Amino acid sequence: MNSELEQTIMGLIVNGGAAKSSAMMAIQAAKDGDFEAADKNLADADAALLEAHHSQTALIQGEARGEKTEVSLLMVHAQDHLMNGITFKDLAKEIVDLYRSR
């Protein structure tokens, strides 16, 4: 595995994890009634996911050009982090909205 691919994979892991963490903090902030912090954390989650999405898109575009990407356990782990980040952010937004409407 080349170092550029490793960096891309680590970017997916780091940004997916950051999105999940920010989403969890948004839920806690909403639970505490701090909707300004909740909204900021949701925005942070969106920013992390956007960064991860750019990395993933680069991989997809490379594959579309015929460049083979080595599928490794680390790559699967990275995609898992990204999907968890997306899921947690979507759920956190709904939970924050529920707390806000109380």
PDB file of N, CA and C in Angstrom:
ATOM      1  N   MET A   1       0.857  -1.177   0.000  1.00  0.00           N
ATOM      2  CA  MET A   1       0.000   0.000   0.000  1.00  0.00           C
ATOM      3  C   MET A   1       0.904   1.241   0.000  1.00  0.00           C
ATOM      4  N   ASN A   2       0.615   2.174  -0.915  1.00  0.00           N
ATOM      5  CA  ASN A   2       1.451   3.367  -0.982  1.00  0.00           C
ATOM      6  C   ASN A   2       1.046   4.378   0.089  1.00  0.00           C
ATOM      7  N   SER A   3       1.937   5.318   0.336  1.00  0.00           N
ATOM      8  CA  SER A   3       1.705   6.272   1.429  1.00  0.00           C
ATOM      9  C   SER A   3       0.539   7.220   1.134  1.00  0.00           C
ATOM     10  N   GLU A   4       0.300   7.534  -0.136  1.00  0.00           N
ATOM     11  CA  GLU A   4      -0.828   8.404  -0.480  1.00  0.00           C
ATOM     12  C   GLU A   4      -2.149   7.713  -0.128  1.00  0.00           C
ATOM     13  N   LEU A   5      -2.254   6.436  -0.434  1.00  0.00           N
ATOM     14  CA  LEU A   5      -3.456   5.678  -0.098  1.00  0.00           C
ATOM     15  C   LEU A   5      -3.607   5.569   1.418  1.00  0.00           C
ATOM     16  N   GLU A   6      -2.506   5.344   2.105  1.00  0.00           N
ATOM     17  CA  GLU A   6      -2.556   5.289   3.572  1.00  0.00           C
ATOM     18  C   GLU A   6      -3.060   6.605   4.155  1.00  0.00           C
ATOM     19  N   GLN A   7      -2.586   7.719   3.624  1.00  0.00           N
ATOM     20  CA  GLN A   7      -3.032   9.034   4.100  1.00  0.00           C
ATOM     21  C   GLN A   7      -4.524   9.231   3.847  1.00  0.00           C
ATOM     22  N   THR A   8      -4.994   8.808   2.696  1.00  0.00           N
ATOM     23  CA  THR A   8      -6.414   8.920   2.371  1.00  0.00           C
ATOM     24  C   THR A   8      -7.240   8.082   3.333  1.00  0.00           C
ATOM     25  N   ILE A   9      -6.804   6.861   3.579  1.00  0.00           N
ATOM     26  CA  ILE A   9      -7.504   5.969   4.498  1.00  0.00           C
ATOM     27  C   ILE A   9      -7.528   6.559   5.901  1.00  0.00           C
ATOM     28  N   MET A  10      -6.401   7.065   6.353  1.00  0.00           N
ATOM     29  CA  MET A  10      -6.359   7.652   7.697  1.00  0.00           C
ATOM     30  C   MET A  10      -7.249   8.892   7.770  1.00  0.00           C
ATOM     31  N   GLY A  11      -7.343   9.647   6.683  1.00  0.00           N
ATOM     32  CA  GLY A  11      -8.242  10.797   6.644  1.00  0.00           C
ATOM     33  C   GLY A  11      -9.693  10.376   6.809  1.00  0.00           C
ATOM     34  N   LEU A  12     -10.071   9.264   6.188  1.00  0.00           N
ATOM     35  CA  LEU A  12     -11.427   8.750   6.345  1.00  0.00           C
ATOM     36  C   LEU A  12     -11.683   8.344   7.792  1.00  0.00           C
ATOM     37  N   ILE A  13     -10.722   7.673   8.396  1.00  0.00           N
ATOM     38  CA  ILE A  13     -10.876   7.221   9.782  1.00  0.00           C
ATOM     39  C   ILE A  13     -10.970   8.409  10.735  1.00  0.00           C
ATOM     40  N   VAL A  14     -10.042   9.342  10.607  1.00  0.00           N
ATOM     41  CA  VAL A  14      -9.996  10.501  11.505  1.00  0.00           C
ATOM     42  C   VAL A  14     -11.257  11.353  11.355  1.00  0.00           C
ATOM     43  N   ASN A  15     -11.621  11.660  10.119  1.00  0.00           N
ATOM     44  CA  ASN A  15     -12.780  12.527   9.907  1.00  0.00           C
ATOM     45  C   ASN A  15     -14.103  11.836  10.218  1.00  0.00           C
ATOM     46  N   GLY A  16     -14.198  10.556   9.928  1.00  0.00           N
ATOM     47  CA  GLY A  16     -15.399   9.812  10.312  1.00  0.00           C
ATOM     48  C   GLY A  16     -15.553   9.762  11.818  1.00  0.00           C
ATOM     49  N   GLY A  17     -14.446   9.518  12.523  1.00  0.00           N
ATOM     50  CA  GLY A  17     -14.474   9.501  13.986  1.00  0.00           C
ATOM     51  C   GLY A  17     -14.783  10.864  14.575  1.00  0.00           C
ATOM     52  N   ALA A  18     -14.219  11.903  13.971  1.00  0.00           N
ATOM     53  CA  ALA A  18     -14.486  13.268  14.453  1.00  0.00           C
ATOM     54  C   ALA A  18     -15.960  13.623  14.276  1.00  0.00           C
ATOM     55  N   ALA A  19     -16.544  13.204  13.159  1.00  0.00           N
ATOM     56  CA  ALA A  19     -17.967  13.478  12.924  1.00  0.00           C
ATOM     57  C   ALA A  19     -18.824  12.775  13.971  1.00  0.00           C
ATOM     58  N   LYS A  20     -18.499  11.536  14.261  1.00  0.00           N
ATOM     59  CA  LYS A  20     -19.256  10.791  15.271  1.00  0.00           C
ATOM     60  C   LYS A  20     -19.137  11.466  16.633  1.00  0.00           C
ATOM     61  N   SER A  21     -17.931  11.850  17.007  1.00  0.00           N
ATOM     62  CA  SER A  21     -17.717  12.516  18.296  1.00  0.00           C
ATOM     63  C   SER A  21     -18.486  13.829  18.379  1.00  0.00           C
ATOM     64  N   SER A  22     -18.429  14.622  17.318  1.00  0.00           N
ATOM     65  CA  SER A  22     -19.155  15.895  17.302  1.00  0.00           C
ATOM     66  C   SER A  22     -20.659  15.666  17.397  1.00  0.00           C
ATOM     67  N   ALA A  23     -21.153  14.628  16.737  1.00  0.00           N
ATOM     68  CA  ALA A  23     -22.580  14.314  16.798  1.00  0.00           C
ATOM     69  C   ALA A  23     -22.981  13.928  18.220  1.00  0.00           C
ATOM     70  N   MET A  24     -22.164  13.148  18.883  1.00  0.00           N
ATOM     71  CA  MET A  24     -22.452  12.761  20.270  1.00  0.00           C
ATOM     72  C   MET A  24     -22.438  13.981  21.180  1.00  0.00           C
ATOM     73  N   MET A  25     -21.502  14.897  20.959  1.00  0.00           N
ATOM     74  CA  MET A  25     -21.455  16.120  21.755  1.00  0.00           C
ATOM     75  C   MET A  25     -22.681  16.989  21.490  1.00  0.00           C
ATOM     76  N   ALA A  26     -23.184  16.974  20.263  1.00  0.00           N
ATOM     77  CA  ALA A  26     -24.394  17.732  19.941  1.00  0.00           C
ATOM     78  C   ALA A  26     -25.582  17.197  20.727  1.00  0.00           C
ATOM     79  N   ILE A  27     -25.688  15.885  20.827  1.00  0.00           N
ATOM     80  CA  ILE A  27     -26.783  15.285  21.589  1.00  0.00           C
ATOM     81  C   ILE A  27     -26.683  15.689  23.053  1.00  0.00           C
ATOM     82  N   GLN A  28     -25.480  15.605  23.610  1.00  0.00           N
ATOM     83  CA  GLN A  28     -25.299  15.967  25.024  1.00  0.00           C
ATOM     84  C   GLN A  28     -25.619  17.441  25.256  1.00  0.00           C
ATOM     85  N   ALA A  29     -25.183  18.298  24.340  1.00  0.00           N
ATOM     86  CA  ALA A  29     -25.470  19.730  24.482  1.00  0.00           C
ATOM     87  C   ALA A  29     -26.968  19.977  24.442  1.00  0.00           C
ATOM     88  N   ALA A  30     -27.673  19.310  23.526  1.00  0.00           N
ATOM     89  CA  ALA A  30     -29.124  19.479  23.444  1.00  0.00           C
ATOM     90  C   ALA A  30     -29.797  18.961  24.703  1.00  0.00           C
ATOM     91  N   LYS A  31     -29.294  17.867  25.208  1.00  0.00           N
ATOM     92  CA  LYS A  31     -29.835  17.299  26.449  1.00  0.00           C
ATOM     93  C   LYS A  31     -29.692  18.293  27.595  1.00  0.00           C
ATOM     94  N   ASP A  32     -28.602  19.048  27.567  1.00  0.00           N
ATOM     95  CA  ASP A  32     -28.350  20.078  28.584  1.00  0.00           C
ATOM     96  C   ASP A  32     -29.068  21.392  28.277  1.00  0.00           C
ATOM     97  N   GLY A  33     -29.772  21.457  27.151  1.00  0.00           N
ATOM     98  CA  GLY A  33     -30.492  22.666  26.776  1.00  0.00           C
ATOM     99  C   GLY A  33     -29.646  23.714  26.086  1.00  0.00           C
ATOM    100  N   ASP A  34     -28.412  23.378  25.712  1.00  0.00           N
ATOM    101  CA  ASP A  34     -27.508  24.325  25.056  1.00  0.00           C
ATOM    102  C   ASP A  34     -27.568  24.103  23.538  1.00  0.00           C
ATOM    103  N   PHE A  35     -28.573  24.700  22.911  1.00  0.00           N
ATOM    104  CA  PHE A  35     -28.795  24.458  21.493  1.00  0.00           C
ATOM    105  C   PHE A  35     -27.794  25.178  20.601  1.00  0.00           C
ATOM    106  N   GLU A  36     -27.204  26.237  21.100  1.00  0.00           N
ATOM    107  CA  GLU A  36     -26.142  26.908  20.337  1.00  0.00           C
ATOM    108  C   GLU A  36     -24.949  25.959  20.187  1.00  0.00           C
ATOM    109  N   ALA A  37     -24.566  25.312  21.289  1.00  0.00           N
ATOM    110  CA  ALA A  37     -23.463  24.343  21.237  1.00  0.00           C
ATOM    111  C   ALA A  37     -23.858  23.134  20.404  1.00  0.00           C
ATOM    112  N   ALA A  38     -25.097  22.696  20.529  1.00  0.00           N
ATOM    113  CA  ALA A  38     -25.564  21.547  19.743  1.00  0.00           C
ATOM    114  C   ALA A  38     -25.451  21.842  18.251  1.00  0.00           C
ATOM    115  N   ASP A  39     -25.890  23.019  17.843  1.00  0.00           N
ATOM    116  CA  ASP A  39     -25.815  23.402  16.436  1.00  0.00           C
ATOM    117  C   ASP A  39     -24.372  23.509  15.958  1.00  0.00           C
ATOM    118  N   LYS A  40     -23.500  24.038  16.806  1.00  0.00           N
ATOM    119  CA  LYS A  40     -22.088  24.140  16.437  1.00  0.00           C
ATOM    120  C   LYS A  40     -21.482  22.750  16.263  1.00  0.00           C
ATOM    121  N   ASN A  41     -21.819  21.844  17.169  1.00  0.00           N
ATOM    122  CA  ASN A  41     -21.292  20.478  17.054  1.00  0.00           C
ATOM    123  C   ASN A  41     -21.821  19.772  15.812  1.00  0.00           C
ATOM    124  N   LEU A  42     -23.079  20.008  15.476  1.00  0.00           N
ATOM    125  CA  LEU A  42     -23.613  19.419  14.237  1.00  0.00           C
ATOM    126  C   LEU A  42     -22.900  19.996  13.014  1.00  0.00           C
ATOM    127  N   ALA A  43     -22.609  21.288  13.054  1.00  0.00           N
ATOM    128  CA  ALA A  43     -21.864  21.916  11.947  1.00  0.00           C
ATOM    129  C   ALA A  43     -20.450  21.338  11.869  1.00  0.00           C
ATOM    130  N   ASP A  44     -19.831  21.092  13.019  1.00  0.00           N
ATOM    131  CA  ASP A  44     -18.498  20.471  13.040  1.00  0.00           C
ATOM    132  C   ASP A  44     -18.553  19.061  12.447  1.00  0.00           C
ATOM    133  N   ALA A  45     -19.611  18.330  12.762  1.00  0.00           N
ATOM    134  CA  ALA A  45     -19.782  16.981  12.214  1.00  0.00           C
ATOM    135  C   ALA A  45     -19.926  17.048  10.693  1.00  0.00           C
ATOM    136  N   ASP A  46     -20.719  18.008  10.219  1.00  0.00           N
ATOM    137  CA  ASP A  46     -20.872  18.189   8.775  1.00  0.00           C
ATOM    138  C   ASP A  46     -19.539  18.500   8.102  1.00  0.00           C
ATOM    139  N   ALA A  47     -18.745  19.361   8.724  1.00  0.00           N
ATOM    140  CA  ALA A  47     -17.445  19.735   8.149  1.00  0.00           C
ATOM    141  C   ALA A  47     -16.509  18.529   8.073  1.00  0.00           C
ATOM    142  N   ALA A  48     -16.500  17.717   9.123  1.00  0.00           N
ATOM    143  CA  ALA A  48     -15.644  16.520   9.129  1.00  0.00           C
ATOM    144  C   ALA A  48     -16.105  15.536   8.051  1.00  0.00           C
ATOM    145  N   LEU A  49     -17.412  15.381   7.914  1.00  0.00           N
ATOM    146  CA  LEU A  49     -17.938  14.468   6.896  1.00  0.00           C
ATOM    147  C   LEU A  49     -17.655  14.971   5.487  1.00  0.00           C
ATOM    148  N   LEU A  50     -17.700  16.271   5.296  1.00  0.00           N
ATOM    149  CA  LEU A  50     -17.369  16.834   3.989  1.00  0.00           C
ATOM    150  C   LEU A  50     -15.918  16.525   3.626  1.00  0.00           C
ATOM    151  N   GLU A  51     -15.038  16.684   4.597  1.00  0.00           N
ATOM    152  CA  GLU A  51     -13.614  16.384   4.381  1.00  0.00           C
ATOM    153  C   GLU A  51     -13.431  14.906   4.042  1.00  0.00           C
ATOM    154  N   ALA A  52     -14.097  14.044   4.782  1.00  0.00           N
ATOM    155  CA  ALA A  52     -14.009  12.603   4.519  1.00  0.00           C
ATOM    156  C   ALA A  52     -14.586  12.278   3.145  1.00  0.00           C
ATOM    157  N   HIS A  53     -15.670  12.940   2.802  1.00  0.00           N
ATOM    158  CA  HIS A  53     -16.312  12.701   1.509  1.00  0.00           C
ATOM    159  C   HIS A  53     -15.372  13.066   0.362  1.00  0.00           C
ATOM    160  N   HIS A  54     -14.611  14.135   0.525  1.00  0.00           N
ATOM    161  CA  HIS A  54     -13.637  14.514  -0.511  1.00  0.00           C
ATOM    162  C   HIS A  54     -12.614  13.397  -0.716  1.00  0.00           C
ATOM    163  N   SER A  55     -12.142  12.812   0.375  1.00  0.00           N
ATOM    164  CA  SER A  55     -11.182  11.704   0.276  1.00  0.00           C
ATOM    165  C   SER A  55     -11.810  10.512  -0.420  1.00  0.00           C
ATOM    166  N   GLN A  56     -13.025  10.184  -0.038  1.00  0.00           N
ATOM    167  CA  GLN A  56     -13.707   9.042  -0.639  1.00  0.00           C
ATOM    168  C   GLN A  56     -13.962   9.291  -2.127  1.00  0.00           C
ATOM    169  N   THR A  57     -14.365  10.500  -2.467  1.00  0.00           N
ATOM    170  CA  THR A  57     -14.616  10.844  -3.864  1.00  0.00           C
ATOM    171  C   THR A  57     -13.355  10.704  -4.700  1.00  0.00           C
ATOM    172  N   ALA A  58     -12.223  11.101  -4.149  1.00  0.00           N
ATOM    173  CA  ALA A  58     -10.950  10.957  -4.872  1.00  0.00           C
ATOM    174  C   ALA A  58     -10.668   9.492  -5.171  1.00  0.00           C
ATOM    175  N   LEU A  59     -10.953   8.616  -4.213  1.00  0.00           N
ATOM    176  CA  LEU A  59     -10.755   7.183  -4.437  1.00  0.00           C
ATOM    177  C   LEU A  59     -11.696   6.671  -5.528  1.00  0.00           C
ATOM    178  N   ILE A  60     -12.939   7.086  -5.481  1.00  0.00           N
ATOM    179  CA  ILE A  60     -13.930   6.644  -6.461  1.00  0.00           C
ATOM    180  C   ILE A  60     -13.562   7.141  -7.858  1.00  0.00           C
ATOM    181  N   GLN A  61     -13.137   8.397  -7.960  1.00  0.00           N
ATOM    182  CA  GLN A  61     -12.759   8.944  -9.260  1.00  0.00           C
ATOM    183  C   GLN A  61     -11.544   8.218  -9.826  1.00  0.00           C
ATOM    184  N   GLY A  62     -10.581   7.897  -8.953  1.00  0.00           N
ATOM    185  CA  GLY A  62      -9.409   7.144  -9.402  1.00  0.00           C
ATOM    186  C   GLY A  62      -9.810   5.785  -9.951  1.00  0.00           C
ATOM    187  N   GLU A  63     -10.704   5.131  -9.254  1.00  0.00           N
ATOM    188  CA  GLU A  63     -11.161   3.821  -9.715  1.00  0.00           C
ATOM    189  C   GLU A  63     -11.912   3.949 -11.041  1.00  0.00           C
ATOM    190  N   ALA A  64     -12.686   5.020 -11.201  1.00  0.00           N
ATOM    191  CA  ALA A  64     -13.410   5.243 -12.453  1.00  0.00           C
ATOM    192  C   ALA A  64     -12.444   5.459 -13.619  1.00  0.00           C
ATOM    193  N   ARG A  65     -11.261   5.994 -13.311  1.00  0.00           N
ATOM    194  CA  ARG A  65     -10.226   6.185 -14.344  1.00  0.00           C
ATOM    195  C   ARG A  65      -9.439   4.911 -14.603  1.00  0.00           C
ATOM    196  N   GLY A  66      -9.791   3.840 -13.901  1.00  0.00           N
ATOM    197  CA  GLY A  66      -9.097   2.569 -14.116  1.00  0.00           C
ATOM    198  C   GLY A  66      -7.974   2.309 -13.134  1.00  0.00           C
ATOM    199  N   GLU A  67      -7.771   3.205 -12.182  1.00  0.00           N
ATOM    200  CA  GLU A  67      -6.739   2.994 -11.161  1.00  0.00           C
ATOM    201  C   GLU A  67      -7.294   2.033 -10.113  1.00  0.00           C
ATOM    202  N   LYS A  68      -6.607   0.940  -9.916  1.00  0.00           N
ATOM    203  CA  LYS A  68      -7.057  -0.050  -8.941  1.00  0.00           C
ATOM    204  C   LYS A  68      -6.675   0.398  -7.538  1.00  0.00           C
ATOM    205  N   THR A  69      -7.633   0.284  -6.619  1.00  0.00           N
ATOM    206  CA  THR A  69      -7.390   0.616  -5.219  1.00  0.00           C
ATOM    207  C   THR A  69      -7.343  -0.682  -4.440  1.00  0.00           C
ATOM    208  N   GLU A  70      -6.278  -0.858  -3.689  1.00  0.00           N
ATOM    209  CA  GLU A  70      -6.124  -2.056  -2.882  1.00  0.00           C
ATOM    210  C   GLU A  70      -7.164  -2.041  -1.754  1.00  0.00           C
ATOM    211  N   VAL A  71      -7.973  -3.077  -1.700  1.00  0.00           N
ATOM    212  CA  VAL A  71      -8.954  -3.201  -0.633  1.00  0.00           C
ATOM    213  C   VAL A  71      -8.302  -3.999   0.488  1.00  0.00           C
ATOM    214  N   SER A  72      -8.134  -3.331   1.608  1.00  0.00           N
ATOM    215  CA  SER A  72      -7.491  -3.957   2.766  1.00  0.00           C
ATOM    216  C   SER A  72      -8.428  -3.860   3.958  1.00  0.00           C
ATOM    217  N   LEU A  73      -8.076  -4.529   5.015  1.00  0.00           N
ATOM    218  CA  LEU A  73      -8.855  -4.430   6.243  1.00  0.00           C
ATOM    219  C   LEU A  73      -8.890  -2.978   6.717  1.00  0.00           C
ATOM    220  N   LEU A  74      -7.791  -2.266   6.550  1.00  0.00           N
ATOM    221  CA  LEU A  74      -7.732  -0.862   6.943  1.00  0.00           C
ATOM    222  C   LEU A  74      -8.712  -0.019   6.116  1.00  0.00           C
ATOM    223  N   MET A  75      -8.827  -0.311   4.823  1.00  0.00           N
ATOM    224  CA  MET A  75      -9.778   0.403   3.962  1.00  0.00           C
ATOM    225  C   MET A  75     -11.210   0.124   4.411  1.00  0.00           C
ATOM    226  N   VAL A  76     -11.521  -1.122   4.720  1.00  0.00           N
ATOM    227  CA  VAL A  76     -12.860  -1.480   5.192  1.00  0.00           C
ATOM    228  C   VAL A  76     -13.149  -0.764   6.509  1.00  0.00           C
ATOM    229  N   HIS A  77     -12.162  -0.724   7.383  1.00  0.00           N
ATOM    230  CA  HIS A  77     -12.289  -0.039   8.670  1.00  0.00           C
ATOM    231  C   HIS A  77     -12.575   1.455   8.448  1.00  0.00           C
ATOM    232  N   ALA A  78     -11.890   2.052   7.494  1.00  0.00           N
ATOM    233  CA  ALA A  78     -12.082   3.471   7.190  1.00  0.00           C
ATOM    234  C   ALA A  78     -13.495   3.737   6.688  1.00  0.00           C
ATOM    235  N   GLN A  79     -13.979   2.896   5.803  1.00  0.00           N
ATOM    236  CA  GLN A  79     -15.340   3.067   5.284  1.00  0.00           C
ATOM    237  C   GLN A  79     -16.368   2.890   6.400  1.00  0.00           C
ATOM    238  N   ASP A  80     -16.090   1.981   7.315  1.00  0.00           N
ATOM    239  CA  ASP A  80     -16.966   1.762   8.459  1.00  0.00           C
ATOM    240  C   ASP A  80     -17.035   3.016   9.332  1.00  0.00           C
ATOM    241  N   HIS A  81     -15.888   3.636   9.575  1.00  0.00           N
ATOM    242  CA  HIS A  81     -15.861   4.877  10.356  1.00  0.00           C
ATOM    243  C   HIS A  81     -16.667   5.971   9.665  1.00  0.00           C
ATOM    244  N   LEU A  82     -16.517   6.071   8.368  1.00  0.00           N
ATOM    245  CA  LEU A  82     -17.248   7.091   7.618  1.00  0.00           C
ATOM    246  C   LEU A  82     -18.759   6.858   7.717  1.00  0.00           C
ATOM    247  N   MET A  83     -19.188   5.635   7.494  1.00  0.00           N
ATOM    248  CA  MET A  83     -20.625   5.338   7.549  1.00  0.00           C
ATOM    249  C   MET A  83     -21.180   5.557   8.956  1.00  0.00           C
ATOM    250  N   ASN A  84     -20.414   5.200   9.981  1.00  0.00           N
ATOM    251  CA  ASN A  84     -20.860   5.456  11.351  1.00  0.00           C
ATOM    252  C   ASN A  84     -20.974   6.953  11.614  1.00  0.00           C
ATOM    253  N   GLY A  85     -20.031   7.713  11.119  1.00  0.00           N
ATOM    254  CA  GLY A  85     -20.081   9.167  11.286  1.00  0.00           C
ATOM    255  C   GLY A  85     -21.321   9.756  10.646  1.00  0.00           C
ATOM    256  N   ILE A  86     -21.647   9.293   9.439  1.00  0.00           N
ATOM    257  CA  ILE A  86     -22.833   9.776   8.737  1.00  0.00           C
ATOM    258  C   ILE A  86     -24.098   9.408   9.509  1.00  0.00           C
ATOM    259  N   THR A  87     -24.170   8.169   9.934  1.00  0.00           N
ATOM    260  CA  THR A  87     -25.350   7.690  10.660  1.00  0.00           C
ATOM    261  C   THR A  87     -25.546   8.445  11.970  1.00  0.00           C
ATOM    262  N   PHE A  88     -24.455   8.598  12.734  1.00  0.00           N
ATOM    263  CA  PHE A  88     -24.549   9.304  14.014  1.00  0.00           C
ATOM    264  C   PHE A  88     -24.955  10.758  13.809  1.00  0.00           C
ATOM    265  N   LYS A  89     -24.414  11.404  12.801  1.00  0.00           N
ATOM    266  CA  LYS A  89     -24.757  12.812  12.550  1.00  0.00           C
ATOM    267  C   LYS A  89     -26.226  12.948  12.199  1.00  0.00           C
ATOM    268  N   ASP A  90     -26.722  12.070  11.333  1.00  0.00           N
ATOM    269  CA  ASP A  90     -28.135  12.124  10.949  1.00  0.00           C
ATOM    270  C   ASP A  90     -29.044  11.892  12.158  1.00  0.00           C
ATOM    271  N   LEU A  91     -28.698  10.927  12.965  1.00  0.00           N
ATOM    272  CA  LEU A  91     -29.483  10.635  14.163  1.00  0.00           C
ATOM    273  C   LEU A  91     -29.396  11.778  15.168  1.00  0.00           C
ATOM    274  N   ALA A  92     -28.198  12.330  15.335  1.00  0.00           N
ATOM    275  CA  ALA A  92     -28.010  13.430  16.287  1.00  0.00           C
ATOM    276  C   ALA A  92     -28.860  14.630  15.899  1.00  0.00           C
ATOM    277  N   LYS A  93     -28.940  14.914  14.602  1.00  0.00           N
ATOM    278  CA  LYS A  93     -29.768  16.040  14.154  1.00  0.00           C
ATOM    279  C   LYS A  93     -31.215  15.821  14.567  1.00  0.00           C
ATOM    280  N   GLU A  94     -31.721  14.632  14.392  1.00  0.00           N
ATOM    281  CA  GLU A  94     -33.097  14.328  14.784  1.00  0.00           C
ATOM    282  C   GLU A  94     -33.286  14.442  16.301  1.00  0.00           C
ATOM    283  N   ILE A  95     -32.322  13.944  17.059  1.00  0.00           N
ATOM    284  CA  ILE A  95     -32.423  14.003  18.523  1.00  0.00           C
ATOM    285  C   ILE A  95     -32.355  15.445  19.021  1.00  0.00           C
ATOM    286  N   VAL A  96     -31.460  16.238  18.438  1.00  0.00           N
ATOM    287  CA  VAL A  96     -31.372  17.655  18.806  1.00  0.00           C
ATOM    288  C   VAL A  96     -32.706  18.341  18.506  1.00  0.00           C
ATOM    289  N   ASP A  97     -33.284  18.043  17.349  1.00  0.00           N
ATOM    290  CA  ASP A  97     -34.589  18.643  17.009  1.00  0.00           C
ATOM    291  C   ASP A  97     -35.672  18.230  18.005  1.00  0.00           C
ATOM    292  N   LEU A  98     -35.626  16.992  18.449  1.00  0.00           N
ATOM    293  CA  LEU A  98     -36.599  16.532  19.439  1.00  0.00           C
ATOM    294  C   LEU A  98     -36.443  17.302  20.761  1.00  0.00           C
ATOM    295  N   TYR A  99     -35.199  17.438  21.226  1.00  0.00           N
ATOM    296  CA  TYR A  99     -34.959  18.207  22.445  1.00  0.00           C
ATOM    297  C   TYR A  99     -35.384  19.666  22.270  1.00  0.00           C
ATOM    298  N   ARG A 100     -35.122  20.225  21.099  1.00  0.00           N
ATOM    299  CA  ARG A 100     -35.439  21.626  20.837  1.00  0.00           C
ATOM    300  C   ARG A 100     -36.961  21.858  20.883  1.00  0.00           C
ATOM    301  N   SER A 101     -37.738  20.892  20.473  1.00  0.00           N
ATOM    302  CA  SER A 101     -39.188  21.065  20.394  1.00  0.00           C
ATOM    303  C   SER A 101     -39.903  20.795  21.719  1.00  0.00           C
ATOM    304  N   ARG A 102     -39.158  20.461  22.748  1.00  0.00           N
ATOM    305  CA  ARG A 102     -39.772  20.174  24.063  1.00  0.00           C
ATOM    306  C   ARG A 102     -40.305  21.404  24.714  1.00  0.00           C
TER     307      ARG A 102
END
